[in-house]
Amino acid sequence: MIKELQVNSGNRNELIDVTSQVAEVAKGVLDGVITLFVPHTTAAITINEGADPDVKTDILRKLSELIPKNDGYEHAEGNSDSHLKSSLFGPSLQVIVENGRLVLGTWQSIYFCEFDGPRNRKLIIKY
């Protein structure tokens, strides 16, 4: 089955915690693997620490330093940095489900990575 979640970003660059929404979908899976897919070229998905919000801040700050918005890119839309960032993180990942629960580490959360917002986005979950 496929479930489509709506993710709304409020900033140009943002890591949005979607763990609880994905966990809700996982309740319908006894055991297996779910695939999370972002069908956008300027957004991505990742797993990282969710306990300390400074981790998200540090990730976004360092990405902006490494891949600045304006750096002489050829792409005319003005969002080449967003394409580069999303390519680094990737459009999909898989998460193990056991007894209807996500198998994540103690500090791990699932983040939708917005790099060209604010926008209304989709996160597709295959289970």
PDB file of N, CA and C in Angstrom:
ATOM      1  N   MET A   1       0.834  -1.183   0.000  1.00  0.00           N
ATOM      2  CA  MET A   1       0.000   0.000   0.000  1.00  0.00           C
ATOM      3  C   MET A   1       0.877   1.244   0.000  1.00  0.00           C
ATOM      4  N   ILE A   2       0.275   2.338  -0.425  1.00  0.00           N
ATOM      5  CA  ILE A   2       0.972   3.624  -0.451  1.00  0.00           C
ATOM      6  C   ILE A   2       0.155   4.644   0.331  1.00  0.00           C
ATOM      7  N   LYS A   3       0.856   5.417   1.140  1.00  0.00           N
ATOM      8  CA  LYS A   3       0.249   6.511   1.888  1.00  0.00           C
ATOM      9  C   LYS A   3       0.990   7.786   1.515  1.00  0.00           C
ATOM     10  N   GLU A   4       0.261   8.841   1.232  1.00  0.00           N
ATOM     11  CA  GLU A   4       0.874  10.129   0.893  1.00  0.00           C
ATOM     12  C   GLU A   4       0.618  11.112   2.027  1.00  0.00           C
ATOM     13  N   LEU A   5       1.700  11.648   2.574  1.00  0.00           N
ATOM     14  CA  LEU A   5       1.601  12.662   3.620  1.00  0.00           C
ATOM     15  C   LEU A   5       1.866  14.037   3.032  1.00  0.00           C
ATOM     16  N   GLN A   6       1.195  15.028   3.559  1.00  0.00           N
ATOM     17  CA  GLN A   6       1.439  16.418   3.184  1.00  0.00           C
ATOM     18  C   GLN A   6       2.414  17.020   4.194  1.00  0.00           C
ATOM     19  N   VAL A   7       3.429  17.702   3.695  1.00  0.00           N
ATOM     20  CA  VAL A   7       4.407  18.370   4.551  1.00  0.00           C
ATOM     21  C   VAL A   7       4.466  19.823   4.103  1.00  0.00           C
ATOM     22  N   ASN A   8       4.203  20.731   5.025  1.00  0.00           N
ATOM     23  CA  ASN A   8       4.217  22.156   4.716  1.00  0.00           C
ATOM     24  C   ASN A   8       5.395  22.813   5.420  1.00  0.00           C
ATOM     25  N   SER A   9       6.252  23.431   4.627  1.00  0.00           N
ATOM     26  CA  SER A   9       7.414  24.112   5.199  1.00  0.00           C
ATOM     27  C   SER A   9       7.131  25.595   5.338  1.00  0.00           C
ATOM     28  N   GLY A  10       7.827  26.216   6.276  1.00  0.00           N
ATOM     29  CA  GLY A  10       7.647  27.640   6.506  1.00  0.00           C
ATOM     30  C   GLY A  10       8.874  28.464   6.191  1.00  0.00           C
ATOM     31  N   ASN A  11       9.996  27.773   5.906  1.00  0.00           N
ATOM     32  CA  ASN A  11      11.259  28.448   5.633  1.00  0.00           C
ATOM     33  C   ASN A  11      11.899  27.892   4.367  1.00  0.00           C
ATOM     34  N   ARG A  12      12.853  28.627   3.830  1.00  0.00           N
ATOM     35  CA  ARG A  12      13.552  28.156   2.628  1.00  0.00           C
ATOM     36  C   ARG A  12      14.320  26.877   2.907  1.00  0.00           C
ATOM     37  N   ASN A  13      15.035  26.834   4.019  1.00  0.00           N
ATOM     38  CA  ASN A  13      15.782  25.643   4.435  1.00  0.00           C
ATOM     39  C   ASN A  13      15.254  25.221   5.799  1.00  0.00           C
ATOM     40  N   GLU A  14      14.826  23.965   5.874  1.00  0.00           N
ATOM     41  CA  GLU A  14      14.185  23.518   7.111  1.00  0.00           C
ATOM     42  C   GLU A  14      14.247  21.991   7.198  1.00  0.00           C
ATOM     43  N   LEU A  15      14.485  21.488   8.399  1.00  0.00           N
ATOM     44  CA  LEU A  15      14.377  20.059   8.662  1.00  0.00           C
ATOM     45  C   LEU A  15      13.119  19.863   9.499  1.00  0.00           C
ATOM     46  N   ILE A  16      12.150  19.156   8.936  1.00  0.00           N
ATOM     47  CA  ILE A  16      10.845  19.000   9.561  1.00  0.00           C
ATOM     48  C   ILE A  16      10.718  17.572  10.093  1.00  0.00           C
ATOM     49  N   ASP A  17      10.515  17.439  11.386  1.00  0.00           N
ATOM     50  CA  ASP A  17      10.391  16.127  12.015  1.00  0.00           C
ATOM     51  C   ASP A  17       9.051  15.495  11.621  1.00  0.00           C
ATOM     52  N   VAL A  18       9.133  14.381  10.901  1.00  0.00           N
ATOM     53  CA  VAL A  18       7.931  13.663  10.453  1.00  0.00           C
ATOM     54  C   VAL A  18       7.832  12.283  11.113  1.00  0.00           C
ATOM     55  N   THR A  19       8.619  12.073  12.157  1.00  0.00           N
ATOM     56  CA  THR A  19       8.679  10.761  12.799  1.00  0.00           C
ATOM     57  C   THR A  19       7.308  10.292  13.266  1.00  0.00           C
ATOM     58  N   SER A  20       6.557  11.151  13.928  1.00  0.00           N
ATOM     59  CA  SER A  20       5.260  10.725  14.467  1.00  0.00           C
ATOM     60  C   SER A  20       4.269  10.372  13.360  1.00  0.00           C
ATOM     61  N   GLN A  21       4.284  11.112  12.251  1.00  0.00           N
ATOM     62  CA  GLN A  21       3.391  10.800  11.136  1.00  0.00           C
ATOM     63  C   GLN A  21       3.767   9.464  10.490  1.00  0.00           C
ATOM     64  N   VAL A  22       5.068   9.217  10.341  1.00  0.00           N
ATOM     65  CA  VAL A  22       5.527   7.956   9.758  1.00  0.00           C
ATOM     66  C   VAL A  22       5.216   6.803  10.721  1.00  0.00           C
ATOM     67  N   ALA A  23       5.401   7.036  12.017  1.00  0.00           N
ATOM     68  CA  ALA A  23       5.100   6.011  13.017  1.00  0.00           C
ATOM     69  C   ALA A  23       3.629   5.629  12.990  1.00  0.00           C
ATOM     70  N   GLU A  24       2.774   6.580  12.741  1.00  0.00           N
ATOM     71  CA  GLU A  24       1.333   6.308  12.649  1.00  0.00           C
ATOM     72  C   GLU A  24       1.043   5.358  11.489  1.00  0.00           C
ATOM     73  N   VAL A  25       1.687   5.576  10.356  1.00  0.00           N
ATOM     74  CA  VAL A  25       1.524   4.686   9.203  1.00  0.00           C
ATOM     75  C   VAL A  25       2.088   3.304   9.525  1.00  0.00           C
ATOM     76  N   ALA A  26       3.222   3.267  10.238  1.00  0.00           N
ATOM     77  CA  ALA A  26       3.883   2.001  10.561  1.00  0.00           C
ATOM     78  C   ALA A  26       3.024   1.106  11.451  1.00  0.00           C
ATOM     79  N   LYS A  27       2.070   1.668  12.170  1.00  0.00           N
ATOM     80  CA  LYS A  27       1.190   0.862  13.020  1.00  0.00           C
ATOM     81  C   LYS A  27       0.434  -0.186  12.208  1.00  0.00           C
ATOM     82  N   GLY A  28       0.241   0.078  10.918  1.00  0.00           N
ATOM     83  CA  GLY A  28      -0.458  -0.858  10.050  1.00  0.00           C
ATOM     84  C   GLY A  28       0.427  -1.945   9.469  1.00  0.00           C
ATOM     85  N   VAL A  29       1.698  -1.948   9.855  1.00  0.00           N
ATOM     86  CA  VAL A  29       2.657  -2.922   9.334  1.00  0.00           C
ATOM     87  C   VAL A  29       3.101  -3.805  10.497  1.00  0.00           C
ATOM     88  N   LEU A  30       2.860  -5.112  10.410  1.00  0.00           N
ATOM     89  CA  LEU A  30       3.279  -5.992  11.502  1.00  0.00           C
ATOM     90  C   LEU A  30       4.801  -6.051  11.571  1.00  0.00           C
ATOM     91  N   ASP A  31       5.421  -6.548  10.523  1.00  0.00           N
ATOM     92  CA  ASP A  31       6.875  -6.624  10.421  1.00  0.00           C
ATOM     93  C   ASP A  31       7.256  -6.374   8.972  1.00  0.00           C
ATOM     94  N   GLY A  32       8.344  -5.662   8.769  1.00  0.00           N
ATOM     95  CA  GLY A  32       8.794  -5.424   7.406  1.00  0.00           C
ATOM     96  C   GLY A  32       9.622  -4.169   7.294  1.00  0.00           C
ATOM     97  N   VAL A  33       9.584  -3.597   6.109  1.00  0.00           N
ATOM     98  CA  VAL A  33      10.342  -2.387   5.809  1.00  0.00           C
ATOM     99  C   VAL A  33       9.403  -1.412   5.121  1.00  0.00           C
ATOM    100  N   ILE A  34       9.468  -0.155   5.526  1.00  0.00           N
ATOM    101  CA  ILE A  34       8.732   0.875   4.800  1.00  0.00           C
ATOM    102  C   ILE A  34       9.747   1.739   4.054  1.00  0.00           C
ATOM    103  N   THR A  35       9.332   2.195   2.903  1.00  0.00           N
ATOM    104  CA  THR A  35      10.165   3.077   2.095  1.00  0.00           C
ATOM    105  C   THR A  35       9.543   4.461   2.112  1.00  0.00           C
ATOM    106  N   LEU A  36      10.366   5.460   2.380  1.00  0.00           N
ATOM    107  CA  LEU A  36       9.939   6.858   2.357  1.00  0.00           C
ATOM    108  C   LEU A  36      10.534   7.493   1.121  1.00  0.00           C
ATOM    109  N   PHE A  37       9.691   8.166   0.331  1.00  0.00           N
ATOM    110  CA  PHE A  37      10.141   8.754  -0.927  1.00  0.00           C
ATOM    111  C   PHE A  37       9.642  10.186  -1.055  1.00  0.00           C
ATOM    112  N   VAL A  38      10.555  11.079  -1.404  1.00  0.00           N
ATOM    113  CA  VAL A  38      10.244  12.494  -1.618  1.00  0.00           C
ATOM    114  C   VAL A  38      10.280  12.763  -3.123  1.00  0.00           C
ATOM    115  N   PRO A  39       9.111  13.054  -3.741  1.00  0.00           N
ATOM    116  CA  PRO A  39       9.063  13.244  -5.191  1.00  0.00           C
ATOM    117  C   PRO A  39       9.340  14.686  -5.627  1.00  0.00           C
ATOM    118  N   HIS A  40      10.373  15.273  -5.063  1.00  0.00           N
ATOM    119  CA  HIS A  40      10.731  16.662  -5.375  1.00  0.00           C
ATOM    120  C   HIS A  40      12.243  16.747  -5.570  1.00  0.00           C
ATOM    121  N   THR A  41      12.684  17.628  -6.451  1.00  0.00           N
ATOM    122  CA  THR A  41      14.120  17.737  -6.735  1.00  0.00           C
ATOM    123  C   THR A  41      14.846  18.736  -5.836  1.00  0.00           C
ATOM    124  N   THR A  42      14.106  19.440  -4.995  1.00  0.00           N
ATOM    125  CA  THR A  42      14.742  20.389  -4.081  1.00  0.00           C
ATOM    126  C   THR A  42      14.386  20.086  -2.626  1.00  0.00           C
ATOM    127  N   ALA A  43      14.030  18.839  -2.366  1.00  0.00           N
ATOM    128  CA  ALA A  43      13.744  18.379  -1.005  1.00  0.00           C
ATOM    129  C   ALA A  43      14.321  16.974  -0.869  1.00  0.00           C
ATOM    130  N   ALA A  44      14.391  16.485   0.375  1.00  0.00           N
ATOM    131  CA  ALA A  44      15.003  15.178   0.618  1.00  0.00           C
ATOM    132  C   ALA A  44      14.455  14.598   1.916  1.00  0.00           C
ATOM    133  N   ILE A  45      15.024  13.463   2.312  1.00  0.00           N
ATOM    134  CA  ILE A  45      14.624  12.789   3.550  1.00  0.00           C
ATOM    135  C   ILE A  45      15.884  12.266   4.237  1.00  0.00           C
ATOM    136  N   THR A  46      15.911  12.322   5.566  1.00  0.00           N
ATOM    137  CA  THR A  46      17.071  11.821   6.298  1.00  0.00           C
ATOM    138  C   THR A  46      16.671  11.396   7.699  1.00  0.00           C
ATOM    139  N   ILE A  47      17.566  10.668   8.345  1.00  0.00           N
ATOM    140  CA  ILE A  47      17.430  10.314   9.760  1.00  0.00           C
ATOM    141  C   ILE A  47      18.617  10.927  10.487  1.00  0.00           C
ATOM    142  N   ASN A  48      18.316  11.603  11.607  1.00  0.00           N
ATOM    143  CA  ASN A  48      19.387  12.169  12.419  1.00  0.00           C
ATOM    144  C   ASN A  48      18.865  12.393  13.827  1.00  0.00           C
ATOM    145  N   GLU A  49      19.680  12.999  14.675  1.00  0.00           N
ATOM    146  CA  GLU A  49      19.298  13.190  16.074  1.00  0.00           C
ATOM    147  C   GLU A  49      18.071  14.089  16.201  1.00  0.00           C
ATOM    148  N   GLY A  50      17.142  13.658  17.061  1.00  0.00           N
ATOM    149  CA  GLY A  50      15.932  14.435  17.291  1.00  0.00           C
ATOM    150  C   GLY A  50      15.832  14.995  18.691  1.00  0.00           C
ATOM    151  N   ALA A  51      16.756  14.645  19.579  1.00  0.00           N
ATOM    152  CA  ALA A  51      16.671  15.083  20.971  1.00  0.00           C
ATOM    153  C   ALA A  51      17.110  16.527  21.174  1.00  0.00           C
ATOM    154  N   ASP A  52      18.120  16.958  20.459  1.00  0.00           N
ATOM    155  CA  ASP A  52      18.673  18.301  20.623  1.00  0.00           C
ATOM    156  C   ASP A  52      18.411  19.118  19.361  1.00  0.00           C
ATOM    157  N   PRO A  53      17.559  20.138  19.427  1.00  0.00           N
ATOM    158  CA  PRO A  53      17.249  20.938  18.234  1.00  0.00           C
ATOM    159  C   PRO A  53      18.451  21.671  17.648  1.00  0.00           C
ATOM    160  N   ASP A  54      19.515  21.805  18.420  1.00  0.00           N
ATOM    161  CA  ASP A  54      20.727  22.451  17.906  1.00  0.00           C
ATOM    162  C   ASP A  54      21.365  21.640  16.782  1.00  0.00           C
ATOM    163  N   VAL A  55      21.109  20.336  16.745  1.00  0.00           N
ATOM    164  CA  VAL A  55      21.658  19.509  15.666  1.00  0.00           C
ATOM    165  C   VAL A  55      21.083  19.965  14.327  1.00  0.00           C
ATOM    166  N   LYS A  56      19.767  20.185  14.268  1.00  0.00           N
ATOM    167  CA  LYS A  56      19.145  20.682  13.033  1.00  0.00           C
ATOM    168  C   LYS A  56      19.726  22.036  12.648  1.00  0.00           C
ATOM    169  N   THR A  57      19.874  22.913  13.618  1.00  0.00           N
ATOM    170  CA  THR A  57      20.435  24.244  13.374  1.00  0.00           C
ATOM    171  C   THR A  57      21.843  24.134  12.809  1.00  0.00           C
ATOM    172  N   ASP A  58      22.658  23.270  13.404  1.00  0.00           N
ATOM    173  CA  ASP A  58      24.040  23.098  12.952  1.00  0.00           C
ATOM    174  C   ASP A  58      24.105  22.533  11.537  1.00  0.00           C
ATOM    175  N   ILE A  59      23.254  21.554  11.244  1.00  0.00           N
ATOM    176  CA  ILE A  59      23.233  20.961   9.902  1.00  0.00           C
ATOM    177  C   ILE A  59      22.877  22.026   8.864  1.00  0.00           C
ATOM    178  N   LEU A  60      21.826  22.784   9.110  1.00  0.00           N
ATOM    179  CA  LEU A  60      21.394  23.799   8.144  1.00  0.00           C
ATOM    180  C   LEU A  60      22.430  24.907   7.984  1.00  0.00           C
ATOM    181  N   ARG A  61      23.052  25.308   9.085  1.00  0.00           N
ATOM    182  CA  ARG A  61      24.084  26.359   9.014  1.00  0.00           C
ATOM    183  C   ARG A  61      25.273  25.895   8.176  1.00  0.00           C
ATOM    184  N   LYS A  62      25.725  24.670   8.430  1.00  0.00           N
ATOM    185  CA  LYS A  62      26.893  24.168   7.701  1.00  0.00           C
ATOM    186  C   LYS A  62      26.571  23.966   6.226  1.00  0.00           C
ATOM    187  N   LEU A  63      25.359  23.489   5.917  1.00  0.00           N
ATOM    188  CA  LEU A  63      24.956  23.351   4.512  1.00  0.00           C
ATOM    189  C   LEU A  63      24.975  24.696   3.796  1.00  0.00           C
ATOM    190  N   SER A  64      24.490  25.735   4.472  1.00  0.00           N
ATOM    191  CA  SER A  64      24.480  27.069   3.864  1.00  0.00           C
ATOM    192  C   SER A  64      25.889  27.599   3.639  1.00  0.00           C
ATOM    193  N   GLU A  65      26.808  27.252   4.538  1.00  0.00           N
ATOM    194  CA  GLU A  65      28.200  27.655   4.355  1.00  0.00           C
ATOM    195  C   GLU A  65      28.841  26.917   3.186  1.00  0.00           C
ATOM    196  N   LEU A  66      28.602  25.612   3.125  1.00  0.00           N
ATOM    197  CA  LEU A  66      29.221  24.781   2.083  1.00  0.00           C
ATOM    198  C   LEU A  66      28.599  25.003   0.707  1.00  0.00           C
ATOM    199  N   ILE A  67      27.284  25.243   0.699  1.00  0.00           N
ATOM    200  CA  ILE A  67      26.549  25.403  -0.560  1.00  0.00           C
ATOM    201  C   ILE A  67      25.715  26.682  -0.462  1.00  0.00           C
ATOM    202  N   PRO A  68      26.322  27.836  -0.724  1.00  0.00           N
ATOM    203  CA  PRO A  68      25.602  29.109  -0.603  1.00  0.00           C
ATOM    204  C   PRO A  68      24.528  29.263  -1.678  1.00  0.00           C
ATOM    205  N   LYS A  69      23.528  30.072  -1.371  1.00  0.00           N
ATOM    206  CA  LYS A  69      22.424  30.299  -2.307  1.00  0.00           C
ATOM    207  C   LYS A  69      22.916  30.868  -3.633  1.00  0.00           C
ATOM    208  N   ASN A  70      23.793  31.831  -3.572  1.00  0.00           N
ATOM    209  CA  ASN A  70      24.309  32.458  -4.790  1.00  0.00           C
ATOM    210  C   ASN A  70      25.807  32.177  -4.901  1.00  0.00           C
ATOM    211  N   ASP A  71      26.148  31.383  -5.913  1.00  0.00           N
ATOM    212  CA  ASP A  71      27.554  31.016  -6.076  1.00  0.00           C
ATOM    213  C   ASP A  71      27.906  30.870  -7.555  1.00  0.00           C
ATOM    214  N   GLY A  72      27.280  31.701  -8.392  1.00  0.00           N
ATOM    215  CA  GLY A  72      27.586  31.676  -9.813  1.00  0.00           C
ATOM    216  C   GLY A  72      27.028  30.473 -10.553  1.00  0.00           C
ATOM    217  N   TYR A  73      25.918  29.921 -10.068  1.00  0.00           N
ATOM    218  CA  TYR A  73      25.311  28.750 -10.700  1.00  0.00           C
ATOM    219  C   TYR A  73      24.727  29.108 -12.069  1.00  0.00           C
ATOM    220  N   GLU A  74      24.643  28.147 -12.948  1.00  0.00           N
ATOM    221  CA  GLU A  74      24.095  28.328 -14.293  1.00  0.00           C
ATOM    222  C   GLU A  74      22.567  28.218 -14.332  1.00  0.00           C
ATOM    223  N   HIS A  75      21.989  27.412 -13.465  1.00  0.00           N
ATOM    224  CA  HIS A  75      20.549  27.153 -13.444  1.00  0.00           C
ATOM    225  C   HIS A  75      19.783  28.455 -13.244  1.00  0.00           C
ATOM    226  N   ALA A  76      18.886  28.774 -14.150  1.00  0.00           N
ATOM    227  CA  ALA A  76      18.228  30.086 -14.198  1.00  0.00           C
ATOM    228  C   ALA A  76      17.178  30.312 -13.107  1.00  0.00           C
ATOM    229  N   GLU A  77      16.682  29.259 -12.482  1.00  0.00           N
ATOM    230  CA  GLU A  77      15.609  29.425 -11.491  1.00  0.00           C
ATOM    231  C   GLU A  77      16.091  29.982 -10.160  1.00  0.00           C
ATOM    232  N   GLY A  78      17.395  30.014  -9.934  1.00  0.00           N
ATOM    233  CA  GLY A  78      17.916  30.574  -8.689  1.00  0.00           C
ATOM    234  C   GLY A  78      17.851  29.629  -7.504  1.00  0.00           C
ATOM    235  N   ASN A  79      17.701  28.329  -7.767  1.00  0.00           N
ATOM    236  CA  ASN A  79      17.637  27.379  -6.663  1.00  0.00           C
ATOM    237  C   ASN A  79      18.621  26.210  -6.833  1.00  0.00           C
ATOM    238  N   SER A  80      19.716  26.469  -7.497  1.00  0.00           N
ATOM    239  CA  SER A  80      20.722  25.411  -7.677  1.00  0.00           C
ATOM    240  C   SER A  80      21.237  24.885  -6.351  1.00  0.00           C
ATOM    241  N   ASP A  81      21.388  25.763  -5.369  1.00  0.00           N
ATOM    242  CA  ASP A  81      21.828  25.298  -4.051  1.00  0.00           C
ATOM    243  C   ASP A  81      20.861  24.271  -3.487  1.00  0.00           C
ATOM    244  N   SER A  82      19.578  24.452  -3.749  1.00  0.00           N
ATOM    245  CA  SER A  82      18.557  23.517  -3.262  1.00  0.00           C
ATOM    246  C   SER A  82      18.699  22.155  -3.927  1.00  0.00           C
ATOM    247  N   HIS A  83      18.974  22.148  -5.223  1.00  0.00           N
ATOM    248  CA  HIS A  83      19.183  20.884  -5.942  1.00  0.00           C
ATOM    249  C   HIS A  83      20.421  20.150  -5.413  1.00  0.00           C
ATOM    250  N   LEU A  84      21.476  20.904  -5.163  1.00  0.00           N
ATOM    251  CA  LEU A  84      22.704  20.295  -4.642  1.00  0.00           C
ATOM    252  C   LEU A  84      22.483  19.693  -3.252  1.00  0.00           C
ATOM    253  N   LYS A  85      21.817  20.434  -2.386  1.00  0.00           N
ATOM    254  CA  LYS A  85      21.555  19.945  -1.027  1.00  0.00           C
ATOM    255  C   LYS A  85      20.692  18.696  -1.051  1.00  0.00           C
ATOM    256  N   SER A  86      19.652  18.707  -1.862  1.00  0.00           N
ATOM    257  CA  SER A  86      18.774  17.530  -1.907  1.00  0.00           C
ATOM    258  C   SER A  86      19.512  16.317  -2.468  1.00  0.00           C
ATOM    259  N   SER A  87      20.437  16.541  -3.398  1.00  0.00           N
ATOM    260  CA  SER A  87      21.223  15.432  -3.935  1.00  0.00           C
ATOM    261  C   SER A  87      22.134  14.818  -2.875  1.00  0.00           C
ATOM    262  N   LEU A  88      22.653  15.625  -1.976  1.00  0.00           N
ATOM    263  CA  LEU A  88      23.503  15.108  -0.907  1.00  0.00           C
ATOM    264  C   LEU A  88      22.733  14.197   0.049  1.00  0.00           C
ATOM    265  N   PHE A  89      21.504  14.560   0.363  1.00  0.00           N
ATOM    266  CA  PHE A  89      20.701  13.782   1.308  1.00  0.00           C
ATOM    267  C   PHE A  89      19.970  12.631   0.627  1.00  0.00           C
ATOM    268  N   GLY A  90      19.409  12.877  -0.544  1.00  0.00           N
ATOM    269  CA  GLY A  90      18.729  11.820  -1.288  1.00  0.00           C
ATOM    270  C   GLY A  90      17.219  11.841  -1.131  1.00  0.00           C
ATOM    271  N   PRO A  91      16.527  11.256  -2.129  1.00  0.00           N
ATOM    272  CA  PRO A  91      15.064  11.310  -2.165  1.00  0.00           C
ATOM    273  C   PRO A  91      14.369  10.187  -1.405  1.00  0.00           C
ATOM    274  N   SER A  92      15.119   9.193  -0.902  1.00  0.00           N
ATOM    275  CA  SER A  92      14.423   8.079  -0.253  1.00  0.00           C
ATOM    276  C   SER A  92      15.272   7.437   0.831  1.00  0.00           C
ATOM    277  N   LEU A  93      14.585   6.720   1.710  1.00  0.00           N
ATOM    278  CA  LEU A  93      15.254   5.887   2.698  1.00  0.00           C
ATOM    279  C   LEU A  93      14.278   4.811   3.143  1.00  0.00           C
ATOM    280  N   GLN A  94      14.821   3.795   3.780  1.00  0.00           N
ATOM    281  CA  GLN A  94      14.002   2.707   4.286  1.00  0.00           C
ATOM    282  C   GLN A  94      14.146   2.627   5.801  1.00  0.00           C
ATOM    283  N   VAL A  95      13.044   2.223   6.453  1.00  0.00           N
ATOM    284  CA  VAL A  95      13.041   2.059   7.899  1.00  0.00           C
ATOM    285  C   VAL A  95      12.422   0.700   8.215  1.00  0.00           C
ATOM    286  N   ILE A  96      13.063  -0.030   9.088  1.00  0.00           N
ATOM    287  CA  ILE A  96      12.543  -1.330   9.522  1.00  0.00           C
ATOM    288  C   ILE A  96      11.360  -1.101  10.460  1.00  0.00           C
ATOM    289  N   VAL A  97      10.358  -1.964  10.335  1.00  0.00           N
ATOM    290  CA  VAL A  97       9.196  -1.945  11.221  1.00  0.00           C
ATOM    291  C   VAL A  97       9.104  -3.314  11.885  1.00  0.00           C
ATOM    292  N   GLU A  98       8.961  -3.308  13.199  1.00  0.00           N
ATOM    293  CA  GLU A  98       8.787  -4.556  13.942  1.00  0.00           C
ATOM    294  C   GLU A  98       7.617  -4.383  14.906  1.00  0.00           C
ATOM    295  N   ASN A  99       6.654  -5.303  14.807  1.00  0.00           N
ATOM    296  CA  ASN A  99       5.446  -5.238  15.642  1.00  0.00           C
ATOM    297  C   ASN A  99       4.748  -3.884  15.542  1.00  0.00           C
ATOM    298  N   GLY A 100       4.708  -3.324  14.339  1.00  0.00           N
ATOM    299  CA  GLY A 100       4.011  -2.059  14.119  1.00  0.00           C
ATOM    300  C   GLY A 100       4.736  -0.829  14.622  1.00  0.00           C
ATOM    301  N   ARG A 101       6.016  -0.977  14.971  1.00  0.00           N
ATOM    302  CA  ARG A 101       6.785   0.164  15.474  1.00  0.00           C
ATOM    303  C   ARG A 101       8.040   0.367  14.645  1.00  0.00           C
ATOM    304  N   LEU A 102       8.386   1.639  14.425  1.00  0.00           N
ATOM    305  CA  LEU A 102       9.619   1.959  13.709  1.00  0.00           C
ATOM    306  C   LEU A 102      10.817   1.495  14.527  1.00  0.00           C
ATOM    307  N   VAL A 103      11.798   0.915  13.860  1.00  0.00           N
ATOM    308  CA  VAL A 103      13.044   0.533  14.527  1.00  0.00           C
ATOM    309  C   VAL A 103      14.039   1.667  14.284  1.00  0.00           C
ATOM    310  N   LEU A 104      14.133   2.543  15.263  1.00  0.00           N
ATOM    311  CA  LEU A 104      15.048   3.686  15.225  1.00  0.00           C
ATOM    312  C   LEU A 104      15.897   3.671  16.482  1.00  0.00           C
ATOM    313  N   GLY A 105      17.067   4.285  16.396  1.00  0.00           N
ATOM    314  CA  GLY A 105      17.918   4.418  17.571  1.00  0.00           C
ATOM    315  C   GLY A 105      17.291   5.368  18.580  1.00  0.00           C
ATOM    316  N   THR A 106      17.801   5.339  19.789  1.00  0.00           N
ATOM    317  CA  THR A 106      17.259   6.127  20.897  1.00  0.00           C
ATOM    318  C   THR A 106      17.076   7.600  20.545  1.00  0.00           C
ATOM    319  N   TRP A 107      18.045   8.185  19.859  1.00  0.00           N
ATOM    320  CA  TRP A 107      18.013   9.621  19.598  1.00  0.00           C
ATOM    321  C   TRP A 107      17.553   9.958  18.182  1.00  0.00           C
ATOM    322  N   GLN A 108      17.239   8.943  17.375  1.00  0.00           N
ATOM    323  CA  GLN A 108      16.952   9.189  15.958  1.00  0.00           C
ATOM    324  C   GLN A 108      15.529   9.662  15.697  1.00  0.00           C
ATOM    325  N   SER A 109      15.421  10.584  14.746  1.00  0.00           N
ATOM    326  CA  SER A 109      14.151  11.073  14.217  1.00  0.00           C
ATOM    327  C   SER A 109      14.254  11.100  12.695  1.00  0.00           C
ATOM    328  N   ILE A 110      13.098  11.098  12.054  1.00  0.00           N
ATOM    329  CA  ILE A 110      13.041  11.162  10.594  1.00  0.00           C
ATOM    330  C   ILE A 110      12.717  12.598  10.211  1.00  0.00           C
ATOM    331  N   TYR A 111      13.515  13.147   9.308  1.00  0.00           N
ATOM    332  CA  TYR A 111      13.343  14.539   8.893  1.00  0.00           C
ATOM    333  C   TYR A 111      13.068  14.674   7.404  1.00  0.00           C
ATOM    334  N   PHE A 112      12.032  15.420   7.087  1.00  0.00           N
ATOM    335  CA  PHE A 112      11.802  15.890   5.721  1.00  0.00           C
ATOM    336  C   PHE A 112      12.686  17.116   5.569  1.00  0.00           C
ATOM    337  N   CYS A 113      13.525  17.140   4.549  1.00  0.00           N
ATOM    338  CA  CYS A 113      14.489  18.223   4.342  1.00  0.00           C
ATOM    339  C   CYS A 113      13.969  19.169   3.258  1.00  0.00           C
ATOM    340  N   GLU A 114      13.592  20.342   3.656  1.00  0.00           N
ATOM    341  CA  GLU A 114      13.135  21.370   2.709  1.00  0.00           C
ATOM    342  C   GLU A 114      14.303  22.281   2.396  1.00  0.00           C
ATOM    343  N   PHE A 115      14.590  22.436   1.099  1.00  0.00           N
ATOM    344  CA  PHE A 115      15.694  23.302   0.688  1.00  0.00           C
ATOM    345  C   PHE A 115      15.271  24.399  -0.274  1.00  0.00           C
ATOM    346  N   ASP A 116      13.967  24.527  -0.548  1.00  0.00           N
ATOM    347  CA  ASP A 116      13.491  25.547  -1.488  1.00  0.00           C
ATOM    348  C   ASP A 116      12.090  26.010  -1.094  1.00  0.00           C
ATOM    349  N   GLY A 117      11.910  26.243   0.179  1.00  0.00           N
ATOM    350  CA  GLY A 117      10.582  26.608   0.680  1.00  0.00           C
ATOM    351  C   GLY A 117      10.413  28.103   0.804  1.00  0.00           C
ATOM    352  N   PRO A 118       9.314  28.481   1.395  1.00  0.00           N
ATOM    353  CA  PRO A 118       8.265  27.614   1.914  1.00  0.00           C
ATOM    354  C   PRO A 118       7.409  27.019   0.790  1.00  0.00           C
ATOM    355  N   ARG A 119       7.005  25.769   1.003  1.00  0.00           N
ATOM    356  CA  ARG A 119       6.211  25.047   0.012  1.00  0.00           C
ATOM    357  C   ARG A 119       5.307  24.023   0.684  1.00  0.00           C
ATOM    358  N   ASN A 120       4.327  23.561  -0.092  1.00  0.00           N
ATOM    359  CA  ASN A 120       3.514  22.410   0.276  1.00  0.00           C
ATOM    360  C   ASN A 120       4.093  21.225  -0.474  1.00  0.00           C
ATOM    361  N   ARG A 121       4.499  20.188   0.269  1.00  0.00           N
ATOM    362  CA  ARG A 121       5.209  19.054  -0.308  1.00  0.00           C
ATOM    363  C   ARG A 121       4.489  17.744  -0.025  1.00  0.00           C
ATOM    364  N   LYS A 122       5.003  16.682  -0.657  1.00  0.00           N
ATOM    365  CA  LYS A 122       4.499  15.335  -0.450  1.00  0.00           C
ATOM    366  C   LYS A 122       5.619  14.446   0.076  1.00  0.00           C
ATOM    367  N   LEU A 123       5.231  13.525   0.935  1.00  0.00           N
ATOM    368  CA  LEU A 123       6.113  12.443   1.369  1.00  0.00           C
ATOM    369  C   LEU A 123       5.327  11.153   1.115  1.00  0.00           C
ATOM    370  N   ILE A 124       5.858  10.292   0.280  1.00  0.00           N
ATOM    371  CA  ILE A 124       5.171   9.055  -0.072  1.00  0.00           C
ATOM    372  C   ILE A 124       5.776   7.924   0.745  1.00  0.00           C
ATOM    373  N   ILE A 125       4.893   7.135   1.341  1.00  0.00           N
ATOM    374  CA  ILE A 125       5.310   5.989   2.148  1.00  0.00           C
ATOM    375  C   ILE A 125       4.755   4.732   1.514  1.00  0.00           C
ATOM    376  N   LYS A 126       5.640   3.805   1.183  1.00  0.00           N
ATOM    377  CA  LYS A 126       5.263   2.512   0.626  1.00  0.00           C
ATOM    378  C   LYS A 126       5.445   1.471   1.715  1.00  0.00           C
ATOM    379  N   TYR A 127       4.368   0.727   1.978  1.00  0.00           N
ATOM    380  CA  TYR A 127       4.434  -0.304   3.020  1.00  0.00           C
ATOM    381  C   TYR A 127       3.645  -1.526   2.624  1.00  0.00           C
TER     382      TYR A 127
END
